[in-house]
Protein backbone atom coordinates (compact mmCIF):
# COMPACT_ATOMS: atom_id res chain seq x y z
CA MET A 1 0.45 13.34 -6.64
CA LYS A 2 -3.00 13.76 -4.54
CA PHE A 3 -4.97 12.79 -7.61
CA LEU A 4 -3.45 9.48 -7.64
CA PHE A 5 -3.59 9.05 -3.78
CA ILE A 6 -7.48 9.94 -3.90
CA LEU A 7 -8.05 7.67 -6.93
CA CYS A 8 -6.39 4.62 -4.94
CA VAL A 9 -8.37 5.33 -2.15
CA ALA A 10 -11.62 5.66 -4.19
CA VAL A 11 -11.11 2.63 -5.81
CA LEU A 12 -9.89 0.17 -3.10
CA PRO A 13 -13.20 -0.07 -1.42
CA LEU A 14 -14.60 -0.76 -4.99
CA LEU A 15 -12.45 -3.87 -4.98
CA THR A 16 -13.50 -5.05 -1.82
CA ALA A 17 -17.13 -4.50 -2.61
CA GLY A 18 -17.65 -8.57 -2.76
CA GLU A 19 -16.88 -8.91 0.81
CA ALA A 20 -19.56 -9.47 3.12
CA SER A 21 -19.21 -6.19 5.47
CA ALA A 22 -17.68 -2.86 4.27
CA GLN A 23 -14.56 -1.58 6.25
CA THR A 24 -12.83 1.59 6.65
CA VAL A 25 -9.00 1.31 6.91
CA ASP A 26 -6.64 3.85 8.01
CA VAL A 27 -3.17 2.79 6.42
CA ALA A 28 -1.32 5.10 8.85
CA LYS A 29 -2.30 2.44 11.37
CA ILE A 30 -1.36 -0.65 9.93
CA THR A 31 2.03 -2.32 11.08
CA CYS A 32 4.23 -4.23 8.91
CA LYS A 33 2.84 -7.38 10.66
CA GLN A 34 -0.43 -6.91 9.77
CA PHE A 35 0.46 -6.15 6.05
CA LEU A 36 2.36 -9.25 5.95
CA ILE A 37 -0.05 -11.50 7.45
CA GLY A 38 -3.05 -9.85 5.44
CA ASN A 39 -5.44 -9.79 8.49
CA ILE A 40 -6.46 -6.37 7.65
CA VAL A 41 -6.78 -6.08 4.13
CA ARG A 42 -5.45 -8.12 1.67
CA ARG A 43 -2.30 -7.81 0.37
CA ASP A 44 -2.66 -7.69 -3.37
CA TYR A 45 -5.03 -4.87 -2.68
CA LEU A 46 -2.60 -3.04 -0.51
CA ALA A 47 0.00 -3.49 -3.19
CA LEU A 48 -2.13 -1.77 -5.66
CA TRP A 49 -2.45 0.74 -3.35
CA LEU A 50 1.28 0.99 -2.41
CA SER A 51 1.96 1.62 -6.50
CA GLY A 52 -0.50 4.47 -6.56
CA TYR A 53 1.07 6.05 -3.54
CA TYR A 54 4.29 5.61 -4.74
CA ASN A 55 4.07 6.67 -8.24
CA GLY A 56 1.64 9.56 -7.02
CA SER A 57 4.64 10.64 -4.88
CA HIS A 58 6.46 10.90 -8.41
CA ASN A 59 4.19 12.35 -10.34
CA ASP A 60 3.35 9.40 -12.50
CA PRO A 61 -0.07 8.42 -13.58
CA ILE A 62 1.00 5.13 -15.10
CA ILE A 63 0.72 1.58 -12.94
CA GLU A 64 2.55 -0.93 -14.60
CA THR A 65 1.77 -4.38 -13.28
CA SER A 66 5.58 -5.24 -12.98
CA THR A 67 6.06 -2.08 -10.67
CA VAL A 68 3.05 -3.07 -8.49
CA GLN A 69 4.90 -6.44 -7.59
CA LYS A 70 8.49 -4.63 -7.30
CA ILE A 71 7.07 -2.18 -4.77
CA ALA A 72 5.09 -4.47 -2.60
CA ASN A 73 8.42 -6.90 -2.62
CA LYS A 74 10.55 -4.12 -1.56
CA VAL A 75 8.02 -2.98 1.59
CA GLY A 76 7.50 -6.73 2.25
CA ASP A 77 11.35 -7.36 2.59
CA TYR A 78 11.32 -4.21 4.47
CA CYS A 79 8.48 -5.31 6.80
CA HIS A 80 9.79 -9.02 7.03
CA ALA A 81 13.05 -7.35 9.22
CA ASN A 82 11.00 -4.68 10.89
CA LEU A 83 7.42 -5.97 12.35
CA ASP A 84 6.66 -3.30 14.58
CA ASP A 85 6.95 -0.76 12.41
CA THR A 86 4.13 0.97 10.12
CA LEU A 87 3.40 0.75 6.76
CA MET A 88 3.68 3.81 5.89
CA ASP A 89 7.02 4.17 7.33
CA ALA A 90 7.84 1.07 5.63
CA ILE A 91 6.89 2.78 2.41
CA GLN A 92 8.65 5.69 2.95
CA LYS A 93 12.01 4.15 4.09
CA ALA A 94 11.98 0.94 1.87
CA LEU A 95 11.27 3.07 -1.82
CA GLY A 96 13.19 6.18 -0.46
CA LEU A 97 10.48 8.52 0.02
CA GLU A 98 11.74 9.86 3.44
CA LYS A 99 11.99 13.63 3.67
């Protein structure tokens, strides 16, 4: 789990390397509204990160493109109904990762 999380965190900056300025993003502080608008990090980048986070929590090192979209859709649906929740809360609730 930790390996996939670290891998996703390491790959995300590489995906955004073409942008004019580098930025550091604390995913724990992103709200559902910000996720849906995409004004912090592009939604497709976050979708990839979400998939890595979810798969890592299940010790699954394989990322399938169809799974990436399904996970993003589930989190997006939750976020539409709960704009003020954090993205991390949305991930946990929408994907059943609550402890």
